[in-house]
N, C-alpha and C. Protein backbone atom coordinates (compact mmCIF):
# COMPACT_ATOMS: atom_id res chain seq x y z
N MET A 1 79.16 80.60 97.01
CA MET A 1 79.11 80.48 95.56
C MET A 1 79.83 81.67 94.93
N TYR A 2 80.59 81.40 93.94
CA TYR A 2 81.35 82.45 93.26
C TYR A 2 80.56 82.95 92.05
N PRO A 3 80.73 84.25 91.72
CA PRO A 3 79.96 84.80 90.60
C PRO A 3 80.39 84.22 89.26
N GLU A 4 79.41 84.00 88.41
CA GLU A 4 79.65 83.51 87.05
C GLU A 4 79.23 84.56 86.02
N TYR A 5 78.49 85.57 86.50
CA TYR A 5 77.95 86.60 85.63
C TYR A 5 78.23 87.97 86.24
N VAL A 6 78.21 88.98 85.39
CA VAL A 6 78.24 90.37 85.84
C VAL A 6 76.97 91.02 85.31
N SER A 7 76.64 92.16 85.88
CA SER A 7 75.44 92.87 85.44
C SER A 7 75.85 94.08 84.61
N ILE A 8 75.41 94.09 83.36
CA ILE A 8 75.66 95.20 82.45
C ILE A 8 74.31 95.76 82.03
N GLN A 9 74.04 96.97 82.41
CA GLN A 9 72.76 97.62 82.12
C GLN A 9 71.57 96.73 82.49
N GLY A 10 71.66 96.12 83.66
CA GLY A 10 70.58 95.28 84.17
C GLY A 10 70.49 93.90 83.56
N GLN A 11 71.41 93.56 82.66
CA GLN A 11 71.40 92.24 82.01
C GLN A 11 72.53 91.38 82.59
N LYS A 12 72.24 90.09 82.78
CA LYS A 12 73.28 89.15 83.21
C LYS A 12 74.17 88.83 82.02
N VAL A 13 75.47 89.04 82.18
CA VAL A 13 76.43 88.77 81.13
C VAL A 13 77.45 87.78 81.67
N LYS A 14 77.66 86.69 80.95
CA LYS A 14 78.63 85.66 81.35
C LYS A 14 80.04 86.23 81.24
N ILE A 15 80.83 85.99 82.29
CA ILE A 15 82.23 86.37 82.29
C ILE A 15 83.04 85.10 82.50
N LYS A 16 84.20 85.02 81.89
CA LYS A 16 85.05 83.84 82.07
C LYS A 16 85.65 83.91 83.46
N THR A 17 85.46 82.87 84.24
CA THR A 17 85.78 82.94 85.66
C THR A 17 87.00 82.12 86.08
N ASP A 18 87.55 81.30 85.20
CA ASP A 18 88.65 80.45 85.63
C ASP A 18 89.92 81.27 85.86
N TYR A 19 90.76 80.76 86.76
CA TYR A 19 91.95 81.52 87.16
C TYR A 19 92.93 81.70 86.01
N GLN A 20 93.02 80.74 85.09
CA GLN A 20 93.96 80.87 83.98
C GLN A 20 93.57 82.04 83.07
N THR A 21 92.28 82.22 82.84
CA THR A 21 91.81 83.35 82.04
C THR A 21 92.13 84.65 82.75
N ALA A 22 91.87 84.71 84.05
CA ALA A 22 92.17 85.92 84.81
C ALA A 22 93.66 86.24 84.77
N LEU A 23 94.50 85.23 84.87
CA LEU A 23 95.95 85.47 84.84
C LEU A 23 96.39 85.97 83.47
N ARG A 24 95.76 85.47 82.39
CA ARG A 24 96.05 86.00 81.05
C ARG A 24 95.65 87.48 80.97
N ALA A 25 94.52 87.81 81.57
CA ALA A 25 94.08 89.22 81.57
C ALA A 25 95.09 90.09 82.32
N PHE A 26 95.60 89.61 83.45
CA PHE A 26 96.61 90.38 84.19
C PHE A 26 97.88 90.54 83.37
N ASP A 27 98.26 89.51 82.63
CA ASP A 27 99.45 89.63 81.77
C ASP A 27 99.27 90.75 80.75
N VAL A 28 98.07 90.83 80.17
CA VAL A 28 97.79 91.90 79.20
C VAL A 28 97.76 93.25 79.90
N ILE A 29 97.11 93.32 81.04
CA ILE A 29 97.02 94.58 81.79
C ILE A 29 98.43 95.11 82.11
N ASN A 30 99.34 94.22 82.43
CA ASN A 30 100.69 94.62 82.81
C ASN A 30 101.65 94.71 81.62
N SER A 31 101.14 94.55 80.42
CA SER A 31 102.00 94.56 79.23
C SER A 31 102.26 95.99 78.76
N ASP A 32 103.13 96.10 77.77
CA ASP A 32 103.48 97.40 77.20
C ASP A 32 102.57 97.80 76.04
N VAL A 33 101.53 97.04 75.80
CA VAL A 33 100.61 97.33 74.70
C VAL A 33 99.90 98.65 74.99
N GLY A 34 99.52 99.35 73.96
CA GLY A 34 98.81 100.61 74.12
C GLY A 34 97.53 100.44 74.93
N GLU A 35 97.10 101.52 75.54
CA GLU A 35 95.96 101.48 76.45
C GLU A 35 94.68 100.97 75.78
N TYR A 36 94.37 101.45 74.58
CA TYR A 36 93.15 101.03 73.90
C TYR A 36 93.22 99.55 73.51
N GLU A 37 94.36 99.14 72.96
CA GLU A 37 94.52 97.73 72.56
C GLU A 37 94.46 96.81 73.78
N ARG A 38 95.03 97.29 74.89
CA ARG A 38 95.01 96.50 76.13
C ARG A 38 93.57 96.34 76.61
N ALA A 39 92.79 97.42 76.55
CA ALA A 39 91.39 97.35 76.97
C ALA A 39 90.61 96.35 76.11
N LEU A 40 90.80 96.42 74.79
CA LEU A 40 90.10 95.49 73.90
C LEU A 40 90.52 94.05 74.18
N ALA A 41 91.81 93.84 74.42
CA ALA A 41 92.29 92.48 74.70
C ALA A 41 91.68 91.95 75.99
N VAL A 42 91.61 92.77 77.02
CA VAL A 42 91.01 92.33 78.29
C VAL A 42 89.54 91.99 78.08
N LEU A 43 88.83 92.82 77.33
CA LEU A 43 87.42 92.52 77.05
C LEU A 43 87.28 91.17 76.35
N TYR A 44 88.11 90.95 75.35
CA TYR A 44 88.02 89.69 74.61
C TYR A 44 88.38 88.50 75.49
N ILE A 45 89.41 88.64 76.29
CA ILE A 45 89.83 87.55 77.18
C ILE A 45 88.73 87.23 78.19
N MET A 46 88.16 88.25 78.80
CA MET A 46 87.21 88.02 79.89
C MET A 46 85.80 87.68 79.43
N TYR A 47 85.41 88.15 78.24
CA TYR A 47 84.04 87.91 77.77
C TYR A 47 83.96 87.07 76.50
N GLY A 48 85.09 86.87 75.84
CA GLY A 48 85.08 86.12 74.59
C GLY A 48 84.54 86.92 73.42
N LYS A 49 84.37 88.22 73.63
CA LYS A 49 83.87 89.10 72.58
C LYS A 49 84.26 90.53 72.93
N ILE A 50 84.16 91.39 71.96
CA ILE A 50 84.36 92.81 72.19
C ILE A 50 82.99 93.47 72.04
N PRO A 51 82.48 94.04 73.12
CA PRO A 51 81.13 94.62 73.06
C PRO A 51 81.09 95.91 72.23
N GLU A 52 79.89 96.36 71.98
CA GLU A 52 79.69 97.62 71.25
C GLU A 52 80.43 98.74 71.98
N VAL A 53 80.90 99.70 71.22
CA VAL A 53 81.73 100.78 71.76
C VAL A 53 81.09 101.45 72.97
N GLU A 54 79.80 101.74 72.89
CA GLU A 54 79.14 102.47 73.98
C GLU A 54 79.03 101.66 75.27
N LEU A 55 79.25 100.35 75.20
CA LEU A 55 79.18 99.50 76.40
C LEU A 55 80.57 99.10 76.92
N GLN A 56 81.61 99.41 76.20
CA GLN A 56 82.94 98.92 76.55
C GLN A 56 83.40 99.39 77.93
N THR A 57 83.13 100.63 78.28
CA THR A 57 83.56 101.13 79.59
C THR A 57 82.90 100.34 80.71
N GLU A 58 81.62 100.10 80.59
CA GLU A 58 80.91 99.36 81.63
C GLU A 58 81.41 97.91 81.70
N TYR A 59 81.64 97.30 80.56
CA TYR A 59 82.20 95.94 80.54
C TYR A 59 83.57 95.92 81.21
N LEU A 60 84.39 96.92 80.90
CA LEU A 60 85.73 96.98 81.52
C LEU A 60 85.64 97.17 83.03
N GLU A 61 84.75 98.03 83.47
CA GLU A 61 84.59 98.25 84.91
C GLU A 61 84.18 96.97 85.62
N MET A 62 83.30 96.20 85.01
CA MET A 62 82.85 94.95 85.62
C MET A 62 83.97 93.90 85.59
N ALA A 63 84.76 93.89 84.52
CA ALA A 63 85.90 92.97 84.46
C ALA A 63 86.91 93.34 85.55
N GLN A 64 87.15 94.63 85.72
CA GLN A 64 88.08 95.10 86.76
C GLN A 64 87.59 94.67 88.14
N LYS A 65 86.31 94.87 88.39
CA LYS A 65 85.73 94.48 89.68
C LYS A 65 85.88 92.97 89.89
N PHE A 66 85.63 92.20 88.84
CA PHE A 66 85.78 90.75 88.95
C PHE A 66 87.24 90.39 89.27
N LEU A 67 88.18 91.00 88.55
CA LEU A 67 89.60 90.69 88.73
C LEU A 67 90.12 91.16 90.09
N GLN A 68 89.39 92.01 90.76
CA GLN A 68 89.73 92.46 92.10
C GLN A 68 88.90 91.72 93.15
N CYS A 69 88.33 90.60 92.73
CA CYS A 69 87.52 89.75 93.62
C CYS A 69 86.42 90.55 94.33
N GLY A 70 85.80 91.46 93.58
CA GLY A 70 84.68 92.23 94.11
C GLY A 70 85.07 93.45 94.90
N LYS A 71 86.36 93.65 95.13
CA LYS A 71 86.81 94.82 95.89
C LYS A 71 86.88 96.04 94.96
N THR A 72 86.78 97.21 95.56
CA THR A 72 86.87 98.43 94.76
C THR A 72 88.33 98.73 94.45
N TYR A 73 88.53 99.56 93.47
CA TYR A 73 89.88 99.98 93.10
C TYR A 73 90.56 100.67 94.28
N GLU A 74 89.81 101.49 95.01
CA GLU A 74 90.38 102.21 96.16
C GLU A 74 90.88 101.23 97.21
N GLU A 75 90.12 100.16 97.47
CA GLU A 75 90.56 99.14 98.45
C GLU A 75 91.82 98.44 97.98
N GLN A 76 91.89 98.15 96.70
CA GLN A 76 93.03 97.42 96.15
C GLN A 76 94.29 98.26 96.08
N LYS A 77 94.16 99.55 95.71
CA LYS A 77 95.36 100.36 95.52
C LYS A 77 96.07 100.65 96.83
N GLU A 78 95.39 100.49 97.95
CA GLU A 78 95.99 100.71 99.26
C GLU A 78 96.99 99.61 99.60
N ILE A 79 96.88 98.46 98.98
CA ILE A 79 97.70 97.30 99.31
C ILE A 79 98.99 97.34 98.50
N GLU A 80 100.11 97.31 99.20
CA GLU A 80 101.41 97.26 98.53
C GLU A 80 101.62 95.84 98.01
N PRO A 81 101.84 95.65 96.71
CA PRO A 81 101.98 94.30 96.18
C PRO A 81 103.22 93.60 96.73
N ASP A 82 103.03 92.36 97.16
CA ASP A 82 104.16 91.55 97.62
C ASP A 82 104.26 90.25 96.83
N MET A 83 103.46 90.17 95.77
CA MET A 83 103.55 89.03 94.85
C MET A 83 103.01 89.45 93.50
N ASP A 84 103.36 88.67 92.49
CA ASP A 84 102.92 88.91 91.13
C ASP A 84 102.55 87.56 90.55
N PHE A 85 101.33 87.45 90.03
CA PHE A 85 100.86 86.15 89.55
C PHE A 85 101.81 85.53 88.52
N SER A 86 102.30 86.33 87.58
CA SER A 86 103.18 85.78 86.55
C SER A 86 104.58 85.51 87.09
N TYR A 87 105.15 86.50 87.73
CA TYR A 87 106.52 86.40 88.22
C TYR A 87 106.66 85.28 89.26
N ASP A 88 105.63 85.09 90.07
CA ASP A 88 105.68 84.11 91.16
C ASP A 88 104.96 82.81 90.83
N SER A 89 104.70 82.55 89.56
CA SER A 89 103.89 81.38 89.20
C SER A 89 104.49 80.07 89.72
N ALA A 90 105.80 79.93 89.69
CA ALA A 90 106.41 78.69 90.20
C ALA A 90 106.22 78.57 91.71
N PHE A 91 106.35 79.69 92.43
CA PHE A 91 106.13 79.67 93.88
C PHE A 91 104.67 79.35 94.20
N ILE A 92 103.75 79.90 93.42
CA ILE A 92 102.32 79.64 93.63
C ILE A 92 102.03 78.16 93.41
N SER A 93 102.52 77.64 92.31
CA SER A 93 102.28 76.23 91.98
C SER A 93 102.85 75.31 93.06
N ALA A 94 104.08 75.57 93.47
CA ALA A 94 104.72 74.74 94.51
C ALA A 94 103.98 74.85 95.83
N SER A 95 103.49 76.03 96.15
CA SER A 95 102.78 76.22 97.41
C SER A 95 101.43 75.52 97.42
N PHE A 96 100.72 75.55 96.29
CA PHE A 96 99.45 74.83 96.20
C PHE A 96 99.70 73.33 96.37
N MET A 97 100.78 72.86 95.77
CA MET A 97 101.09 71.44 95.88
C MET A 97 101.45 71.08 97.32
N SER A 98 102.29 71.89 97.97
CA SER A 98 102.73 71.54 99.32
C SER A 98 101.63 71.71 100.37
N ASP A 99 100.84 72.76 100.27
CA ASP A 99 99.82 73.02 101.29
C ASP A 99 98.51 72.28 101.04
N TYR A 100 98.10 72.20 99.78
CA TYR A 100 96.78 71.65 99.47
C TYR A 100 96.82 70.35 98.68
N HIS A 101 98.01 69.95 98.26
CA HIS A 101 98.15 68.78 97.38
C HIS A 101 97.33 68.96 96.12
N ILE A 102 97.32 70.19 95.62
CA ILE A 102 96.60 70.53 94.39
C ILE A 102 97.63 70.84 93.31
N ASN A 103 97.55 70.09 92.22
CA ASN A 103 98.34 70.40 91.04
C ASN A 103 97.49 71.33 90.19
N LEU A 104 97.90 72.57 90.09
CA LEU A 104 97.09 73.55 89.36
C LEU A 104 96.87 73.16 87.91
N ASN A 105 97.77 72.38 87.34
CA ASN A 105 97.57 71.92 85.96
C ASN A 105 96.37 71.00 85.84
N ASP A 106 95.96 70.39 86.95
CA ASP A 106 94.80 69.51 86.96
C ASP A 106 93.50 70.26 87.24
N CYS A 107 93.59 71.57 87.46
CA CYS A 107 92.40 72.36 87.83
C CYS A 107 92.24 73.58 86.94
N PRO A 108 92.19 73.40 85.63
CA PRO A 108 92.13 74.58 84.74
C PRO A 108 90.85 75.40 84.90
N ASN A 109 89.81 74.82 85.48
CA ASN A 109 88.54 75.54 85.62
C ASN A 109 88.32 76.12 87.01
N MET A 110 89.35 76.09 87.85
CA MET A 110 89.19 76.65 89.20
C MET A 110 88.79 78.12 89.07
N HIS A 111 87.78 78.51 89.80
CA HIS A 111 87.31 79.89 89.78
C HIS A 111 88.42 80.80 90.31
N PHE A 112 88.58 81.95 89.68
CA PHE A 112 89.63 82.88 90.06
C PHE A 112 89.51 83.31 91.52
N TRP A 113 88.30 83.54 92.00
CA TRP A 113 88.13 83.97 93.39
C TRP A 113 88.55 82.86 94.35
N GLN A 114 88.26 81.61 94.00
CA GLN A 114 88.70 80.49 94.84
C GLN A 114 90.22 80.42 94.84
N PHE A 115 90.82 80.58 93.67
CA PHE A 115 92.28 80.61 93.53
C PHE A 115 92.87 81.67 94.48
N CYS A 116 92.30 82.86 94.48
CA CYS A 116 92.79 83.94 95.35
C CYS A 116 92.58 83.62 96.83
N GLU A 117 91.45 83.03 97.16
CA GLU A 117 91.20 82.63 98.55
C GLU A 117 92.21 81.59 99.00
N LEU A 118 92.52 80.65 98.12
CA LEU A 118 93.51 79.63 98.48
C LEU A 118 94.90 80.25 98.67
N ILE A 119 95.24 81.23 97.87
CA ILE A 119 96.52 81.93 98.07
C ILE A 119 96.52 82.60 99.44
N THR A 120 95.42 83.23 99.79
CA THR A 120 95.31 83.90 101.09
C THR A 120 95.46 82.90 102.24
N GLY A 121 94.98 81.69 102.04
CA GLY A 121 95.00 80.68 103.09
C GLY A 121 96.27 79.85 103.17
N LEU A 122 97.25 80.13 102.35
CA LEU A 122 98.49 79.35 102.39
C LEU A 122 99.16 79.47 103.76
N THR A 123 99.80 78.40 104.19
CA THR A 123 100.47 78.41 105.49
C THR A 123 101.76 79.23 105.42
N ASP A 124 102.25 79.59 106.57
CA ASP A 124 103.51 80.34 106.66
C ASP A 124 104.71 79.51 106.22
N LYS A 125 104.53 78.20 106.16
CA LYS A 125 105.65 77.31 105.83
C LYS A 125 105.87 77.16 104.32
N CYS A 126 104.90 77.49 103.50
CA CYS A 126 105.05 77.29 102.06
C CYS A 126 105.99 78.34 101.47
N ILE A 127 106.53 78.02 100.32
CA ILE A 127 107.55 78.87 99.69
C ILE A 127 107.01 80.26 99.35
N LEU A 128 105.79 80.36 98.84
CA LEU A 128 105.24 81.66 98.48
C LEU A 128 105.12 82.56 99.71
N SER A 129 104.63 82.02 100.81
CA SER A 129 104.50 82.81 102.04
C SER A 129 105.86 83.26 102.54
N ARG A 130 106.85 82.39 102.46
CA ARG A 130 108.19 82.77 102.91
C ARG A 130 108.77 83.86 102.01
N VAL A 131 108.56 83.75 100.70
CA VAL A 131 109.06 84.78 99.77
C VAL A 131 108.37 86.11 100.06
N ARG A 132 107.07 86.08 100.24
CA ARG A 132 106.32 87.31 100.52
C ARG A 132 106.78 87.93 101.83
N GLU A 133 107.07 87.12 102.82
CA GLU A 133 107.56 87.60 104.11
C GLU A 133 108.91 88.30 103.94
N ILE A 134 109.80 87.72 103.17
CA ILE A 134 111.11 88.34 102.93
C ILE A 134 110.94 89.66 102.21
N ARG A 135 110.07 89.70 101.22
CA ARG A 135 109.85 90.94 100.46
C ARG A 135 109.35 92.08 101.33
N THR A 136 108.56 91.77 102.34
CA THR A 136 107.92 92.81 103.14
C THR A 136 108.58 93.04 104.49
N CYS A 137 109.55 92.24 104.84
CA CYS A 137 110.14 92.36 106.18
C CYS A 137 110.92 93.66 106.33
N ASN A 138 111.01 94.12 107.55
CA ASN A 138 111.79 95.29 107.90
C ASN A 138 113.17 94.83 108.33
N ILE A 139 114.18 95.21 107.60
CA ILE A 139 115.55 94.78 107.89
C ILE A 139 115.96 95.17 109.30
N GLU A 140 115.45 96.29 109.78
CA GLU A 140 115.80 96.78 111.12
C GLU A 140 115.33 95.83 112.22
N ASP A 141 114.38 94.94 111.91
CA ASP A 141 113.88 93.99 112.90
C ASP A 141 114.84 92.83 113.14
N TYR A 142 115.90 92.76 112.35
CA TYR A 142 116.85 91.65 112.45
C TYR A 142 118.13 92.09 113.13
N ALA A 143 118.79 91.12 113.73
CA ALA A 143 120.08 91.40 114.37
C ALA A 143 121.06 91.90 113.31
N GLU A 144 121.96 92.75 113.73
CA GLU A 144 122.94 93.36 112.82
C GLU A 144 123.66 92.30 111.99
N LYS A 145 124.00 91.17 112.59
CA LYS A 145 124.76 90.12 111.88
C LYS A 145 123.94 89.45 110.77
N ASP A 146 122.61 89.52 110.84
CA ASP A 146 121.73 88.88 109.85
C ASP A 146 121.29 89.82 108.74
N ARG A 147 121.49 91.10 108.91
CA ARG A 147 120.94 92.09 107.98
C ARG A 147 121.51 91.98 106.57
N SER A 148 122.76 91.65 106.46
CA SER A 148 123.36 91.52 105.13
C SER A 148 122.69 90.39 104.35
N ALA A 149 122.47 89.27 105.01
CA ALA A 149 121.82 88.13 104.35
C ALA A 149 120.37 88.47 103.98
N ILE A 150 119.68 89.20 104.84
CA ILE A 150 118.30 89.59 104.56
C ILE A 150 118.26 90.56 103.39
N ARG A 151 119.18 91.53 103.36
CA ARG A 151 119.24 92.46 102.22
C ARG A 151 119.46 91.71 100.92
N LYS A 152 120.35 90.75 100.94
CA LYS A 152 120.65 89.96 99.74
C LYS A 152 119.41 89.17 99.31
N ALA A 153 118.73 88.54 100.26
CA ALA A 153 117.52 87.77 99.94
C ALA A 153 116.43 88.69 99.38
N LYS A 154 116.25 89.88 99.99
CA LYS A 154 115.25 90.82 99.49
C LYS A 154 115.57 91.24 98.05
N ALA A 155 116.83 91.47 97.76
CA ALA A 155 117.23 91.87 96.40
C ALA A 155 116.99 90.74 95.41
N GLU A 156 117.33 89.52 95.79
CA GLU A 156 117.15 88.37 94.88
C GLU A 156 115.68 88.06 94.64
N LEU A 157 114.83 88.32 95.61
CA LEU A 157 113.41 87.97 95.51
C LEU A 157 112.51 89.15 95.17
N ALA A 158 113.10 90.31 94.96
CA ALA A 158 112.30 91.51 94.68
C ALA A 158 111.46 91.32 93.42
N LEU A 159 110.28 91.91 93.46
CA LEU A 159 109.43 91.90 92.27
C LEU A 159 110.04 92.80 91.21
N PRO A 160 109.82 92.47 89.95
CA PRO A 160 110.36 93.35 88.90
C PRO A 160 109.71 94.73 89.00
N GLN A 161 110.50 95.71 88.74
CA GLN A 161 110.01 97.10 88.77
C GLN A 161 109.16 97.34 87.52
N ARG A 162 107.93 97.75 87.72
CA ARG A 162 107.06 98.08 86.59
C ARG A 162 107.07 99.60 86.43
N LEU A 163 107.35 100.01 85.22
CA LEU A 163 107.35 101.43 84.93
C LEU A 163 105.95 101.89 84.58
N THR A 164 105.62 103.10 84.99
CA THR A 164 104.36 103.68 84.56
C THR A 164 104.48 103.97 83.07
N ARG A 165 103.38 104.22 82.40
CA ARG A 165 103.42 104.54 80.97
C ARG A 165 104.31 105.76 80.72
N GLU A 166 104.19 106.76 81.59
CA GLU A 166 105.00 107.96 81.45
C GLU A 166 106.49 107.65 81.62
N GLN A 167 106.82 106.85 82.63
CA GLN A 167 108.22 106.47 82.84
C GLN A 167 108.75 105.66 81.66
N GLN A 168 107.93 104.76 81.11
CA GLN A 168 108.34 103.96 79.97
C GLN A 168 108.59 104.84 78.76
N GLN A 169 107.74 105.83 78.54
CA GLN A 169 107.90 106.75 77.41
C GLN A 169 109.19 107.55 77.57
N ILE A 170 109.47 108.04 78.77
CA ILE A 170 110.69 108.80 79.03
C ILE A 170 111.91 107.91 78.78
N LYS A 171 111.85 106.67 79.24
CA LYS A 171 112.96 105.74 79.04
C LYS A 171 113.20 105.50 77.55
N GLU A 172 112.12 105.29 76.79
CA GLU A 172 112.25 105.05 75.35
C GLU A 172 112.84 106.27 74.64
N GLU A 173 112.38 107.46 75.03
CA GLU A 173 112.92 108.67 74.43
C GLU A 173 114.40 108.83 74.75
N PHE A 174 114.78 108.52 75.97
CA PHE A 174 116.19 108.59 76.36
C PHE A 174 117.01 107.57 75.59
N ASP A 175 116.47 106.35 75.46
CA ASP A 175 117.19 105.30 74.71
C ASP A 175 117.40 105.68 73.25
N GLU A 176 116.42 106.41 72.68
CA GLU A 176 116.57 106.87 71.30
C GLU A 176 117.67 107.92 71.19
N LEU A 177 117.78 108.77 72.20
CA LEU A 177 118.82 109.81 72.21
C LEU A 177 120.20 109.23 72.47
N CYS A 178 120.25 108.20 73.30
CA CYS A 178 121.53 107.59 73.70
C CYS A 178 121.49 106.10 73.38
N PRO A 179 121.63 105.71 72.13
CA PRO A 179 121.48 104.30 71.77
C PRO A 179 122.62 103.40 72.25
N TYR A 180 123.67 103.94 72.81
CA TYR A 180 124.81 103.12 73.24
C TYR A 180 124.81 102.83 74.70
């Protein structure tokens, strides 16, 4: 059974559990919006309300834990990302259709944890698994004659580079100095 509630100060609090809501929260988390506005948006997306100021940190921590499928931040940060829910949405959709015969558009209420488990269980033959394999493969493991093609595929399938807030600020300052 997947969780439907989180515990905030000993009280059961309903959290939105469907995968589409979770993906919207990830879009906000990865956006360029200011940190405070992003936090408020995630709270509203995941709970349908913005809690009292003194409870917001705890609500955010529980939302983060939910979005990490119960894993801690330390466990999650160790994993090098090889997919992005938004960037790879077409690959995810095609893979669910090919492996499970599931049209995600027909399952708007699928629990986010189930969605993640199904991604984990995709076969090696589906498009998402093949893309992830290319992204993480070691070019040195391939014959010299194949390396050029593998480099090209890795470049074409690479995840977009996300700048840290500090890097984004430096870039914006530079762009202001050099507008051409």
